[in-house]
PDB file of N, CA and C in Angstrom:
ATOM      1  N   MET A   1      93.161  69.095 312.940  1.00  0.00           N
ATOM      2  CA  MET A   1      93.247  67.720 313.425  1.00  0.00           C
ATOM      3  C   MET A   1      93.898  67.751 314.792  1.00  0.00           C
ATOM      4  N   THR A   2      93.169  67.192 315.777  1.00  0.00           N
ATOM      5  CA  THR A   2      93.660  67.100 317.149  1.00  0.00           C
ATOM      6  C   THR A   2      93.825  65.630 317.497  1.00  0.00           C
ATOM      7  N   PRO A   3      95.060  65.142 317.678  1.00  0.00           N
ATOM      8  CA  PRO A   3      95.268  63.720 317.956  1.00  0.00           C
ATOM      9  C   PRO A   3      94.543  63.230 319.209  1.00  0.00           C
ATOM     10  N   VAL A   4      93.839  62.111 319.054  1.00  0.00           N
ATOM     11  CA  VAL A   4      93.104  61.465 320.153  1.00  0.00           C
ATOM     12  C   VAL A   4      93.548  60.012 320.208  1.00  0.00           C
ATOM     13  N   LYS A   5      93.880  59.524 321.388  1.00  0.00           N
ATOM     14  CA  LYS A   5      94.282  58.119 321.566  1.00  0.00           C
ATOM     15  C   LYS A   5      93.057  57.238 321.803  1.00  0.00           C
ATOM     16  N   GLN A   6      93.150  56.000 321.368  1.00  0.00           N
ATOM     17  CA  GLN A   6      92.070  55.053 321.602  1.00  0.00           C
ATOM     18  C   GLN A   6      92.076  54.602 323.060  1.00  0.00           C
ATOM     19  N   THR A   7      90.907  54.152 323.527  1.00  0.00           N
ATOM     20  CA  THR A   7      90.771  53.722 324.925  1.00  0.00           C
ATOM     21  C   THR A   7      90.443  52.233 325.034  1.00  0.00           C
ATOM     22  N   LYS A   8      90.136  51.598 323.900  1.00  0.00           N
ATOM     23  CA  LYS A   8      89.835  50.163 323.881  1.00  0.00           C
ATOM     24  C   LYS A   8      90.774  49.497 322.898  1.00  0.00           C
ATOM     25  N   LEU A   9      91.312  48.351 323.277  1.00  0.00           N
ATOM     26  CA  LEU A   9      92.200  47.603 322.400  1.00  0.00           C
ATOM     27  C   LEU A   9      91.514  46.334 321.924  1.00  0.00           C
ATOM     28  N   TYR A  10      91.783  45.947 320.696  1.00  0.00           N
ATOM     29  CA  TYR A  10      91.240  44.726 320.137  1.00  0.00           C
ATOM     30  C   TYR A  10      91.816  43.517 320.858  1.00  0.00           C
ATOM     31  N   SER A  11      90.951  42.538 321.086  1.00  0.00           N
ATOM     32  CA  SER A  11      91.384  41.250 321.610  1.00  0.00           C
ATOM     33  C   SER A  11      90.527  40.193 320.936  1.00  0.00           C
ATOM     34  N   PRO A  12      91.132  39.158 320.362  1.00  0.00           N
ATOM     35  CA  PRO A  12      90.331  38.143 319.666  1.00  0.00           C
ATOM     36  C   PRO A  12      89.345  37.443 320.594  1.00  0.00           C
ATOM     37  N   ASP A  13      89.644  37.391 321.873  1.00  0.00           N
ATOM     38  CA  ASP A  13      88.754  36.764 322.844  1.00  0.00           C
ATOM     39  C   ASP A  13      87.946  37.785 323.632  1.00  0.00           C
ATOM     40  N   GLY A  14      88.103  39.064 323.310  1.00  0.00           N
ATOM     41  CA  GLY A  14      87.453  40.125 324.079  1.00  0.00           C
ATOM     42  C   GLY A  14      85.986  40.282 323.746  1.00  0.00           C
ATOM     43  N   ILE A  15      85.322  41.089 324.551  1.00  0.00           N
ATOM     44  CA  ILE A  15      83.898  41.341 324.351  1.00  0.00           C
ATOM     45  C   ILE A  15      83.652  42.594 323.529  1.00  0.00           C
ATOM     46  N   HIS A  16      84.707  43.292 323.157  1.00  0.00           N
ATOM     47  CA  HIS A  16      84.550  44.478 322.323  1.00  0.00           C
ATOM     48  C   HIS A  16      85.687  44.555 321.318  1.00  0.00           C
ATOM     49  N   ASN A  17      85.485  45.403 320.333  1.00  0.00           N
ATOM     50  CA  ASN A  17      86.517  45.681 319.337  1.00  0.00           C
ATOM     51  C   ASN A  17      87.362  46.843 319.840  1.00  0.00           C
ATOM     52  N   GLY A  18      88.497  47.074 319.239  1.00  0.00           N
ATOM     53  CA  GLY A  18      89.267  48.269 319.546  1.00  0.00           C
ATOM     54  C   GLY A  18      88.563  49.495 318.978  1.00  0.00           C
ATOM     55  N   ASN A  19      88.864  50.661 319.516  1.00  0.00           N
ATOM     56  CA  ASN A  19      88.206  51.871 319.028  1.00  0.00           C
ATOM     57  C   ASN A  19      89.176  52.829 318.335  1.00  0.00           C
ATOM     58  N   CYS A  20      90.130  52.276 317.584  1.00  0.00           N
ATOM     59  CA  CYS A  20      91.061  53.119 316.834  1.00  0.00           C
ATOM     60  C   CYS A  20      90.337  53.961 315.795  1.00  0.00           C
ATOM     61  N   LEU A  21      89.332  53.389 315.115  1.00  0.00           N
ATOM     62  CA  LEU A  21      88.618  54.141 314.091  1.00  0.00           C
ATOM     63  C   LEU A  21      87.847  55.306 314.712  1.00  0.00           C
ATOM     64  N   ALA A  22      87.199  55.064 315.846  1.00  0.00           N
ATOM     65  CA  ALA A  22      86.495  56.146 316.540  1.00  0.00           C
ATOM     66  C   ALA A  22      87.478  57.233 316.953  1.00  0.00           C
ATOM     67  N   ALA A  23      88.659  56.844 317.425  1.00  0.00           N
ATOM     68  CA  ALA A  23      89.678  57.819 317.813  1.00  0.00           C
ATOM     69  C   ALA A  23      90.146  58.622 316.596  1.00  0.00           C
ATOM     70  N   CYS A  24      90.210  57.974 315.441  1.00  0.00           N
ATOM     71  CA  CYS A  24      90.581  58.696 314.222  1.00  0.00           C
ATOM     72  C   CYS A  24      89.505  59.712 313.839  1.00  0.00           C
ATOM     73  N   TYR A  25      88.233  59.334 313.929  1.00  0.00           N
ATOM     74  CA  TYR A  25      87.166  60.293 313.638  1.00  0.00           C
ATOM     75  C   TYR A  25      87.176  61.438 314.640  1.00  0.00           C
ATOM     76  N   ALA A  26      87.391  61.133 315.911  1.00  0.00           N
ATOM     77  CA  ALA A  26      87.494  62.193 316.917  1.00  0.00           C
ATOM     78  C   ALA A  26      88.645  63.133 316.565  1.00  0.00           C
ATOM     79  N   SER A  27      89.766  62.565 316.144  1.00  0.00           N
ATOM     80  CA  SER A  27      90.925  63.375 315.766  1.00  0.00           C
ATOM     81  C   SER A  27      90.608  64.284 314.581  1.00  0.00           C
ATOM     82  N   LEU A  28      90.023  63.713 313.522  1.00  0.00           N
ATOM     83  CA  LEU A  28      89.708  64.502 312.332  1.00  0.00           C
ATOM     84  C   LEU A  28      88.693  65.605 312.613  1.00  0.00           C
ATOM     85  N   LEU A  29      87.736  65.317 313.496  1.00  0.00           N
ATOM     86  CA  LEU A  29      86.655  66.262 313.776  1.00  0.00           C
ATOM     87  C   LEU A  29      86.947  67.177 314.963  1.00  0.00           C
ATOM     88  N   ASP A  30      88.139  67.046 315.557  1.00  0.00           N
ATOM     89  CA  ASP A  30      88.516  67.849 316.734  1.00  0.00           C
ATOM     90  C   ASP A  30      87.508  67.688 317.868  1.00  0.00           C
ATOM     91  N   LEU A  31      87.150  66.432 318.137  1.00  0.00           N
ATOM     92  CA  LEU A  31      86.194  66.107 319.180  1.00  0.00           C
ATOM     93  C   LEU A  31      86.868  65.268 320.266  1.00  0.00           C
ATOM     94  N   PRO A  32      86.359  65.328 321.505  1.00  0.00           N
ATOM     95  CA  PRO A  32      86.819  64.338 322.487  1.00  0.00           C
ATOM     96  C   PRO A  32      86.232  62.980 322.098  1.00  0.00           C
ATOM     97  N   LEU A  33      86.903  61.914 322.455  1.00  0.00           N
ATOM     98  CA  LEU A  33      86.485  60.573 322.058  1.00  0.00           C
ATOM     99  C   LEU A  33      85.071  60.231 322.526  1.00  0.00           C
ATOM    100  N   TRP A  34      84.661  60.723 323.682  1.00  0.00           N
ATOM    101  CA  TRP A  34      83.335  60.384 324.199  1.00  0.00           C
ATOM    102  C   TRP A  34      82.212  60.928 323.321  1.00  0.00           C
ATOM    103  N   MET A  35      82.521  61.882 322.430  1.00  0.00           N
ATOM    104  CA  MET A  35      81.492  62.429 321.546  1.00  0.00           C
ATOM    105  C   MET A  35      81.321  61.625 320.256  1.00  0.00           C
ATOM    106  N   VAL A  36      82.134  60.597 320.068  1.00  0.00           N
ATOM    107  CA  VAL A  36      81.994  59.705 318.912  1.00  0.00           C
ATOM    108  C   VAL A  36      81.284  58.447 319.403  1.00  0.00           C
ATOM    109  N   PRO A  37      80.160  58.084 318.806  1.00  0.00           N
ATOM    110  CA  PRO A  37      79.451  56.876 319.250  1.00  0.00           C
ATOM    111  C   PRO A  37      80.357  55.644 319.210  1.00  0.00           C
ATOM    112  N   PRO A  38      80.117  54.685 320.085  1.00  0.00           N
ATOM    113  CA  PRO A  38      80.956  53.477 320.136  1.00  0.00           C
ATOM    114  C   PRO A  38      80.583  52.490 319.030  1.00  0.00           C
ATOM    115  N   PHE A  39      80.843  52.880 317.794  1.00  0.00           N
ATOM    116  CA  PHE A  39      80.491  52.042 316.641  1.00  0.00           C
ATOM    117  C   PHE A  39      81.090  50.653 316.739  1.00  0.00           C
ATOM    118  N   GLU A  40      82.260  50.568 317.300  1.00  0.00           N
ATOM    119  CA  GLU A  40      82.971  49.286 317.393  1.00  0.00           C
ATOM    120  C   GLU A  40      82.214  48.263 318.231  1.00  0.00           C
ATOM    121  N   ASP A  41      81.265  48.704 319.051  1.00  0.00           N
ATOM    122  CA  ASP A  41      80.495  47.798 319.895  1.00  0.00           C
ATOM    123  C   ASP A  41      79.077  47.545 319.375  1.00  0.00           C
ATOM    124  N   MET A  42      78.702  48.166 318.266  1.00  0.00           N
ATOM    125  CA  MET A  42      77.323  48.087 317.806  1.00  0.00           C
ATOM    126  C   MET A  42      76.994  46.805 317.053  1.00  0.00           C
ATOM    127  N   PHE A  43      77.941  46.247 316.337  1.00  0.00           N
ATOM    128  CA  PHE A  43      77.686  45.060 315.544  1.00  0.00           C
ATOM    129  C   PHE A  43      78.830  44.086 315.747  1.00  0.00           C
ATOM    130  N   GLY A  44      79.023  43.187 314.814  1.00  0.00           N
ATOM    131  CA  GLY A  44      80.086  42.200 314.912  1.00  0.00           C
ATOM    132  C   GLY A  44      81.468  42.817 314.828  1.00  0.00           C
ATOM    133  N   ARG A  45      82.325  42.243 314.055  1.00  0.00           N
ATOM    134  CA  ARG A  45      83.697  42.723 313.961  1.00  0.00           C
ATOM    135  C   ARG A  45      83.898  43.771 312.869  1.00  0.00           C
ATOM    136  N   SER A  46      82.928  43.961 311.975  1.00  0.00           N
ATOM    137  CA  SER A  46      83.188  44.908 310.879  1.00  0.00           C
ATOM    138  C   SER A  46      81.946  45.526 310.240  1.00  0.00           C
ATOM    139  N   ASP A  47      80.798  45.468 310.866  1.00  0.00           N
ATOM    140  CA  ASP A  47      79.560  45.899 310.216  1.00  0.00           C
ATOM    141  C   ASP A  47      79.048  47.267 310.676  1.00  0.00           C
ATOM    142  N   TRP A  48      79.933  48.184 311.019  1.00  0.00           N
ATOM    143  CA  TRP A  48      79.464  49.445 311.593  1.00  0.00           C
ATOM    144  C   TRP A  48      79.484  50.616 310.618  1.00  0.00           C
ATOM    145  N   TYR A  49      79.882  50.426 309.371  1.00  0.00           N
ATOM    146  CA  TYR A  49      80.032  51.554 308.451  1.00  0.00           C
ATOM    147  C   TYR A  49      78.732  52.297 308.169  1.00  0.00           C
ATOM    148  N   GLU A  50      77.612  51.587 308.086  1.00  0.00           N
ATOM    149  CA  GLU A  50      76.330  52.256 307.843  1.00  0.00           C
ATOM    150  C   GLU A  50      75.993  53.220 308.979  1.00  0.00           C
ATOM    151  N   ARG A  51      76.278  52.813 310.217  1.00  0.00           N
ATOM    152  CA  ARG A  51      76.019  53.689 311.373  1.00  0.00           C
ATOM    153  C   ARG A  51      76.950  54.896 311.380  1.00  0.00           C
ATOM    154  N   ILE A  52      78.197  54.702 310.991  1.00  0.00           N
ATOM    155  CA  ILE A  52      79.131  55.829 310.906  1.00  0.00           C
ATOM    156  C   ILE A  52      78.628  56.834 309.881  1.00  0.00           C
ATOM    157  N   ASP A  53      78.209  56.353 308.714  1.00  0.00           N
ATOM    158  CA  ASP A  53      77.708  57.238 307.664  1.00  0.00           C
ATOM    159  C   ASP A  53      76.493  58.029 308.150  1.00  0.00           C
ATOM    160  N   GLU A  54      75.592  57.359 308.844  1.00  0.00           N
ATOM    161  CA  GLU A  54      74.397  58.024 309.364  1.00  0.00           C
ATOM    162  C   GLU A  54      74.777  59.114 310.370  1.00  0.00           C
ATOM    163  N   TRP A  55      75.686  58.814 311.281  1.00  0.00           N
ATOM    164  CA  TRP A  55      76.131  59.783 312.287  1.00  0.00           C
ATOM    165  C   TRP A  55      76.818  60.984 311.639  1.00  0.00           C
ATOM    166  N   LEU A  56      77.713  60.726 310.708  1.00  0.00           N
ATOM    167  CA  LEU A  56      78.416  61.823 310.041  1.00  0.00           C
ATOM    168  C   LEU A  56      77.436  62.739 309.314  1.00  0.00           C
ATOM    169  N   ALA A  57      76.441  62.159 308.646  1.00  0.00           N
ATOM    170  CA  ALA A  57      75.470  62.960 307.900  1.00  0.00           C
ATOM    171  C   ALA A  57      74.581  63.779 308.829  1.00  0.00           C
ATOM    172  N   LYS A  58      74.030  63.135 309.851  1.00  0.00           N
ATOM    173  CA  LYS A  58      73.079  63.824 310.729  1.00  0.00           C
ATOM    174  C   LYS A  58      73.747  64.802 311.685  1.00  0.00           C
ATOM    175  N   ALA A  59      74.860  64.416 312.258  1.00  0.00           N
ATOM    176  CA  ALA A  59      75.484  65.249 313.284  1.00  0.00           C
ATOM    177  C   ALA A  59      76.470  66.272 312.720  1.00  0.00           C
ATOM    178  N   HIS A  60      77.067  65.967 311.557  1.00  0.00           N
ATOM    179  CA  HIS A  60      78.147  66.827 311.074  1.00  0.00           C
ATOM    180  C   HIS A  60      77.978  67.286 309.623  1.00  0.00           C
ATOM    181  N   LYS A  61      76.912  66.833 308.954  1.00  0.00           N
ATOM    182  CA  LYS A  61      76.676  67.197 307.547  1.00  0.00           C
ATOM    183  C   LYS A  61      77.877  66.836 306.674  1.00  0.00           C
ATOM    184  N   LEU A  62      78.459  65.672 306.971  1.00  0.00           N
ATOM    185  CA  LEU A  62      79.615  65.182 306.236  1.00  0.00           C
ATOM    186  C   LEU A  62      79.323  63.789 305.685  1.00  0.00           C
ATOM    187  N   GLU A  63      80.073  63.412 304.670  1.00  0.00           N
ATOM    188  CA  GLU A  63      80.016  62.048 304.190  1.00  0.00           C
ATOM    189  C   GLU A  63      81.419  61.464 304.179  1.00  0.00           C
ATOM    190  N   ARG A  64      81.465  60.144 304.324  1.00  0.00           N
ATOM    191  CA  ARG A  64      82.725  59.415 304.348  1.00  0.00           C
ATOM    192  C   ARG A  64      82.980  58.876 302.951  1.00  0.00           C
ATOM    193  N   VAL A  65      84.174  59.106 302.461  1.00  0.00           N
ATOM    194  CA  VAL A  65      84.574  58.571 301.168  1.00  0.00           C
ATOM    195  C   VAL A  65      85.648  57.527 301.446  1.00  0.00           C
ATOM    196  N   ARG A  66      85.454  56.328 300.935  1.00  0.00           N
ATOM    197  CA  ARG A  66      86.408  55.242 301.167  1.00  0.00           C
ATOM    198  C   ARG A  66      86.982  54.801 299.833  1.00  0.00           C
ATOM    199  N   LEU A  67      88.302  54.702 299.772  1.00  0.00           N
ATOM    200  CA  LEU A  67      88.994  54.304 298.555  1.00  0.00           C
ATOM    201  C   LEU A  67      89.949  53.157 298.863  1.00  0.00           C
ATOM    202  N   GLN A  68      90.036  52.216 297.955  1.00  0.00           N
ATOM    203  CA  GLN A  68      91.013  51.143 298.090  1.00  0.00           C
ATOM    204  C   GLN A  68      92.385  51.694 297.694  1.00  0.00           C
ATOM    205  N   GLY A  69      93.420  51.159 298.287  1.00  0.00           N
ATOM    206  CA  GLY A  69      94.762  51.618 297.977  1.00  0.00           C
ATOM    207  C   GLY A  69      95.074  52.933 298.662  1.00  0.00           C
ATOM    208  N   HIS A  70      96.017  53.670 298.091  1.00  0.00           N
ATOM    209  CA  HIS A  70      96.498  54.905 298.712  1.00  0.00           C
ATOM    210  C   HIS A  70      96.786  55.957 297.637  1.00  0.00           C
ATOM    211  N   PRO A  71      95.714  56.489 297.004  1.00  0.00           N
ATOM    212  CA  PRO A  71      95.894  57.481 295.945  1.00  0.00           C
ATOM    213  C   PRO A  71      96.178  58.874 296.525  1.00  0.00           C
ATOM    214  N   VAL A  72      97.407  59.110 296.937  1.00  0.00           N
ATOM    215  CA  VAL A  72      97.783  60.303 297.706  1.00  0.00           C
ATOM    216  C   VAL A  72      97.335  61.598 297.046  1.00  0.00           C
ATOM    217  N   ASP A  73      97.439  61.702 295.728  1.00  0.00           N
ATOM    218  CA  ASP A  73      97.106  62.960 295.058  1.00  0.00           C
ATOM    219  C   ASP A  73      95.609  63.254 295.015  1.00  0.00           C
ATOM    220  N   GLU A  74      94.765  62.319 295.444  1.00  0.00           N
ATOM    221  CA  GLU A  74      93.312  62.523 295.456  1.00  0.00           C
ATOM    222  C   GLU A  74      92.776  62.823 296.858  1.00  0.00           C
ATOM    223  N   LEU A  75      93.653  62.970 297.847  1.00  0.00           N
ATOM    224  CA  LEU A  75      93.225  63.028 299.240  1.00  0.00           C
ATOM    225  C   LEU A  75      93.398  64.416 299.849  1.00  0.00           C
ATOM    226  N   PRO A  76      92.567  64.740 300.858  1.00  0.00           N
ATOM    227  CA  PRO A  76      92.725  66.014 301.554  1.00  0.00           C
ATOM    228  C   PRO A  76      93.959  65.986 302.465  1.00  0.00           C
ATOM    229  N   GLU A  77      94.178  67.073 303.178  1.00  0.00           N
ATOM    230  CA  GLU A  77      95.369  67.174 304.027  1.00  0.00           C
ATOM    231  C   GLU A  77      95.453  66.055 305.051  1.00  0.00           C
ATOM    232  N   PHE A  78      94.354  65.772 305.748  1.00  0.00           N
ATOM    233  CA  PHE A  78      94.330  64.703 306.747  1.00  0.00           C
ATOM    234  C   PHE A  78      93.287  63.664 306.357  1.00  0.00           C
ATOM    235  N   TYR A  79      93.621  62.398 306.528  1.00  0.00           N
ATOM    236  CA  TYR A  79      92.703  61.319 306.196  1.00  0.00           C
ATOM    237  C   TYR A  79      93.053  60.082 307.014  1.00  0.00           C
ATOM    238  N   ILE A  80      92.125  59.140 307.046  1.00  0.00           N
ATOM    239  CA  ILE A  80      92.317  57.891 307.774  1.00  0.00           C
ATOM    240  C   ILE A  80      92.902  56.858 306.817  1.00  0.00           C
ATOM    241  N   ALA A  81      93.955  56.188 307.270  1.00  0.00           N
ATOM    242  CA  ALA A  81      94.550  55.091 306.505  1.00  0.00           C
ATOM    243  C   ALA A  81      94.348  53.808 307.304  1.00  0.00           C
ATOM    244  N   CYS A  82      93.943  52.748 306.628  1.00  0.00           N
ATOM    245  CA  CYS A  82      93.687  51.464 307.287  1.00  0.00           C
ATOM    246  C   CYS A  82      94.595  50.391 306.717  1.00  0.00           C
ATOM    247  N   GLY A  83      95.087  49.546 307.588  1.00  0.00           N
ATOM    248  CA  GLY A  83      95.950  48.452 307.182  1.00  0.00           C
ATOM    249  C   GLY A  83      96.271  47.585 308.385  1.00  0.00           C
ATOM    250  N   ARG A  84      97.105  46.597 308.194  1.00  0.00           N
ATOM    251  CA  ARG A  84      97.504  45.700 309.289  1.00  0.00           C
ATOM    252  C   ARG A  84      98.587  46.355 310.132  1.00  0.00           C
ATOM    253  N   SER A  85      98.408  46.251 311.438  1.00  0.00           N
ATOM    254  CA  SER A  85      99.432  46.734 312.362  1.00  0.00           C
ATOM    255  C   SER A  85     100.486  45.652 312.548  1.00  0.00           C
ATOM    256  N   ALA A  86     101.555  45.983 313.236  1.00  0.00           N
ATOM    257  CA  ALA A  86     102.585  44.989 313.558  1.00  0.00           C
ATOM    258  C   ALA A  86     102.012  43.898 314.456  1.00  0.00           C
ATOM    259  N   ARG A  87     100.885  44.189 315.106  1.00  0.00           N
ATOM    260  CA  ARG A  87     100.217  43.218 315.978  1.00  0.00           C
ATOM    261  C   ARG A  87      99.358  42.246 315.168  1.00  0.00           C
ATOM    262  N   GLY A  88      99.259  42.475 313.846  1.00  0.00           N
ATOM    263  CA  GLY A  88      98.527  41.573 312.971  1.00  0.00           C
ATOM    264  C   GLY A  88      97.038  41.837 312.859  1.00  0.00           C
ATOM    265  N   VAL A  89      96.561  42.953 313.382  1.00  0.00           N
ATOM    266  CA  VAL A  89      95.135  43.267 313.318  1.00  0.00           C
ATOM    267  C   VAL A  89      94.905  44.486 312.430  1.00  0.00           C
ATOM    268  N   LEU A  90      93.693  44.586 311.877  1.00  0.00           N
ATOM    269  CA  LEU A  90      93.334  45.749 311.084  1.00  0.00           C
ATOM    270  C   LEU A  90      93.337  46.966 312.004  1.00  0.00           C
ATOM    271  N   HIS A  91      93.947  48.043 311.540  1.00  0.00           N
ATOM    272  CA  HIS A  91      94.143  49.220 312.382  1.00  0.00           C
ATOM    273  C   HIS A  91      93.934  50.482 311.557  1.00  0.00           C
ATOM    274  N   ALA A  92      93.479  51.549 312.199  1.00  0.00           N
ATOM    275  CA  ALA A  92      93.262  52.838 311.551  1.00  0.00           C
ATOM    276  C   ALA A  92      94.163  53.886 312.175  1.00  0.00           C
ATOM    277  N   VAL A  93      94.770  54.711 311.335  1.00  0.00           N
ATOM    278  CA  VAL A  93      95.664  55.790 311.768  1.00  0.00           C
ATOM    279  C   VAL A  93      95.369  57.020 310.915  1.00  0.00           C
ATOM    280  N   ILE A  94      95.956  58.143 311.284  1.00  0.00           N
ATOM    281  CA  ILE A  94      95.796  59.372 310.512  1.00  0.00           C
ATOM    282  C   ILE A  94      97.057  59.611 309.687  1.00  0.00           C
ATOM    283  N   TYR A  95      96.852  59.886 308.399  1.00  0.00           N
ATOM    284  CA  TYR A  95      97.939  60.215 307.479  1.00  0.00           C
ATOM    285  C   TYR A  95      97.750  61.636 306.957  1.00  0.00           C
ATOM    286  N   SER A  96      98.827  62.208 306.477  1.00  0.00           N
ATOM    287  CA  SER A  96      98.798  63.481 305.771  1.00  0.00           C
ATOM    288  C   SER A  96      99.896  63.445 304.715  1.00  0.00           C
ATOM    289  N   ASN A  97      99.549  63.782 303.493  1.00  0.00           N
ATOM    290  CA  ASN A  97     100.522  63.804 302.390  1.00  0.00           C
ATOM    291  C   ASN A  97     101.320  62.511 302.275  1.00  0.00           C
ATOM    292  N   GLY A  98     100.659  61.382 302.451  1.00  0.00           N
ATOM    293  CA  GLY A  98     101.300  60.089 302.254  1.00  0.00           C
ATOM    294  C   GLY A  98     102.104  59.559 303.428  1.00  0.00           C
ATOM    295  N   ALA A  99     102.072  60.240 304.568  1.00  0.00           N
ATOM    296  CA  ALA A  99     102.853  59.796 305.733  1.00  0.00           C
ATOM    297  C   ALA A  99     101.992  59.809 306.998  1.00  0.00           C
ATOM    298  N   ILE A 100     102.294  58.901 307.896  1.00  0.00           N
ATOM    299  CA  ILE A 100     101.549  58.848 309.158  1.00  0.00           C
ATOM    300  C   ILE A 100     101.854  60.084 310.009  1.00  0.00           C
ATOM    301  N   VAL A 101     100.789  60.654 310.586  1.00  0.00           N
ATOM    302  CA  VAL A 101     100.961  61.790 311.499  1.00  0.00           C
ATOM    303  C   VAL A 101     100.386  61.502 312.882  1.00  0.00           C
ATOM    304  N   HIS A 102      99.559  60.440 312.988  1.00  0.00           N
ATOM    305  CA  HIS A 102      99.002  60.095 314.308  1.00  0.00           C
ATOM    306  C   HIS A 102      98.567  58.637 314.321  1.00  0.00           C
ATOM    307  N   ASP A 103      99.024  57.918 315.339  1.00  0.00           N
ATOM    308  CA  ASP A 103      98.570  56.552 315.596  1.00  0.00           C
ATOM    309  C   ASP A 103      97.795  56.592 316.906  1.00  0.00           C
ATOM    310  N   PRO A 104      96.503  56.233 316.902  1.00  0.00           N
ATOM    311  CA  PRO A 104      95.742  56.267 318.145  1.00  0.00           C
ATOM    312  C   PRO A 104      96.132  55.177 319.146  1.00  0.00           C
ATOM    313  N   HIS A 105      96.878  54.154 318.706  1.00  0.00           N
ATOM    314  CA  HIS A 105      97.324  53.086 319.611  1.00  0.00           C
ATOM    315  C   HIS A 105      98.492  53.591 320.449  1.00  0.00           C
ATOM    316  N   PHE A 106      98.559  53.156 321.690  1.00  0.00           N
ATOM    317  CA  PHE A 106      99.606  53.645 322.595  1.00  0.00           C
ATOM    318  C   PHE A 106     101.016  53.288 322.143  1.00  0.00           C
ATOM    319  N   SER A 107     101.163  52.277 321.286  1.00  0.00           N
ATOM    320  CA  SER A 107     102.489  51.870 320.827  1.00  0.00           C
ATOM    321  C   SER A 107     103.088  52.837 319.793  1.00  0.00           C
ATOM    322  N   ASP A 108     102.235  53.596 319.127  1.00  0.00           N
ATOM    323  CA  ASP A 108     102.659  54.490 318.040  1.00  0.00           C
ATOM    324  C   ASP A 108     103.424  53.754 316.943  1.00  0.00           C
ATOM    325  N   SER A 109     103.123  52.470 316.734  1.00  0.00           N
ATOM    326  CA  SER A 109     103.847  51.687 315.736  1.00  0.00           C
ATOM    327  C   SER A 109     103.221  51.750 314.342  1.00  0.00           C
ATOM    328  N   GLY A 110     102.066  52.373 314.201  1.00  0.00           N
ATOM    329  CA  GLY A 110     101.455  52.579 312.892  1.00  0.00           C
ATOM    330  C   GLY A 110     100.952  51.311 312.226  1.00  0.00           C
ATOM    331  N   ILE A 111     100.941  51.348 310.904  1.00  0.00           N
ATOM    332  CA  ILE A 111     100.504  50.204 310.106  1.00  0.00           C
ATOM    333  C   ILE A 111     101.622  49.820 309.145  1.00  0.00           C
ATOM    334  N   GLU A 112     101.607  48.547 308.748  1.00  0.00           N
ATOM    335  CA  GLU A 112     102.673  48.056 307.874  1.00  0.00           C
ATOM    336  C   GLU A 112     102.525  48.574 306.443  1.00  0.00           C
ATOM    337  N   SER A 113     101.307  48.678 305.960  1.00  0.00           N
ATOM    338  CA  SER A 113     101.030  49.249 304.642  1.00  0.00           C
ATOM    339  C   SER A 113      99.574  49.704 304.620  1.00  0.00           C
ATOM    340  N   VAL A 114      99.258  50.577 303.679  1.00  0.00           N
ATOM    341  CA  VAL A 114      97.905  51.134 303.563  1.00  0.00           C
ATOM    342  C   VAL A 114      97.092  50.277 302.596  1.00  0.00           C
ATOM    343  N   ASN A 115      95.995  49.701 303.095  1.00  0.00           N
ATOM    344  CA  ASN A 115      95.081  48.918 302.258  1.00  0.00           C
ATOM    345  C   ASN A 115      93.970  49.788 301.682  1.00  0.00           C
ATOM    346  N   SER A 116      93.488  50.731 302.514  1.00  0.00           N
ATOM    347  CA  SER A 116      92.404  51.615 302.094  1.00  0.00           C
ATOM    348  C   SER A 116      92.509  52.922 302.860  1.00  0.00           C
ATOM    349  N   VAL A 117      91.817  53.927 302.353  1.00  0.00           N
ATOM    350  CA  VAL A 117      91.792  55.236 303.015  1.00  0.00           C
ATOM    351  C   VAL A 117      90.349  55.708 303.108  1.00  0.00           C
ATOM    352  N   GLU A 118      90.114  56.590 304.063  1.00  0.00           N
ATOM    353  CA  GLU A 118      88.811  57.228 304.236  1.00  0.00           C
ATOM    354  C   GLU A 118      89.053  58.710 304.486  1.00  0.00           C
ATOM    355  N   TYR A 119      88.197  59.533 303.915  1.00  0.00           N
ATOM    356  CA  TYR A 119      88.266  60.954 304.231  1.00  0.00           C
ATOM    357  C   TYR A 119      86.849  61.503 304.303  1.00  0.00           C
ATOM    358  N   LEU A 120      86.733  62.697 304.838  1.00  0.00           N
ATOM    359  CA  LEU A 120      85.442  63.335 305.036  1.00  0.00           C
ATOM    360  C   LEU A 120      85.300  64.500 304.092  1.00  0.00           C
ATOM    361  N   ARG A 121      84.076  64.684 303.589  1.00  0.00           N
ATOM    362  CA  ARG A 121      83.784  65.849 302.765  1.00  0.00           C
ATOM    363  C   ARG A 121      82.350  66.282 303.066  1.00  0.00           C
ATOM    364  N   PRO A 122      82.040  67.561 302.827  1.00  0.00           N
ATOM    365  CA  PRO A 122      80.670  68.036 303.055  1.00  0.00           C
ATOM    366  C   PRO A 122      79.685  67.256 302.193  1.00  0.00           C
ATOM    367  N   LEU A 123      78.495  67.036 302.756  1.00  0.00           N
ATOM    368  CA  LEU A 123      77.444  66.375 301.981  1.00  0.00           C
ATOM    369  C   LEU A 123      77.128  67.184 300.744  1.00  0.00           C
ATOM    370  N   SER A 124      76.906  66.494 299.660  1.00  0.00           N
ATOM    371  CA  SER A 124      76.579  67.197 298.403  1.00  0.00           C
ATOM    372  C   SER A 124      75.093  67.396 298.262  1.00  0.00           C
TER     373      SER A 124
END
């Protein structure tokens, strides 16, 4: 896992979404951010998961597993945790063993609690 910072920030009046999730995928895959498609700009505010799944399968032979809550004992070493940031917006960060290890936002303030997690595994 190579930490990558996001380059776009969420704004309720903005023309794009923040790219924290893309930065998390870049971090997990040890890629520069420019190699992750701008999923945050492809649809509305939350409809990009199908495109992420397609990209992971075709480009990396991986699948995304998403779980509600934070079942730490079921997760790999590094995974994406999603929850509300102190700024009040949905945010994605990297966790390991139940603790934050990377926040792609420049504030490094993390998330208030984990609502869901995502991790990658080889396609079956």
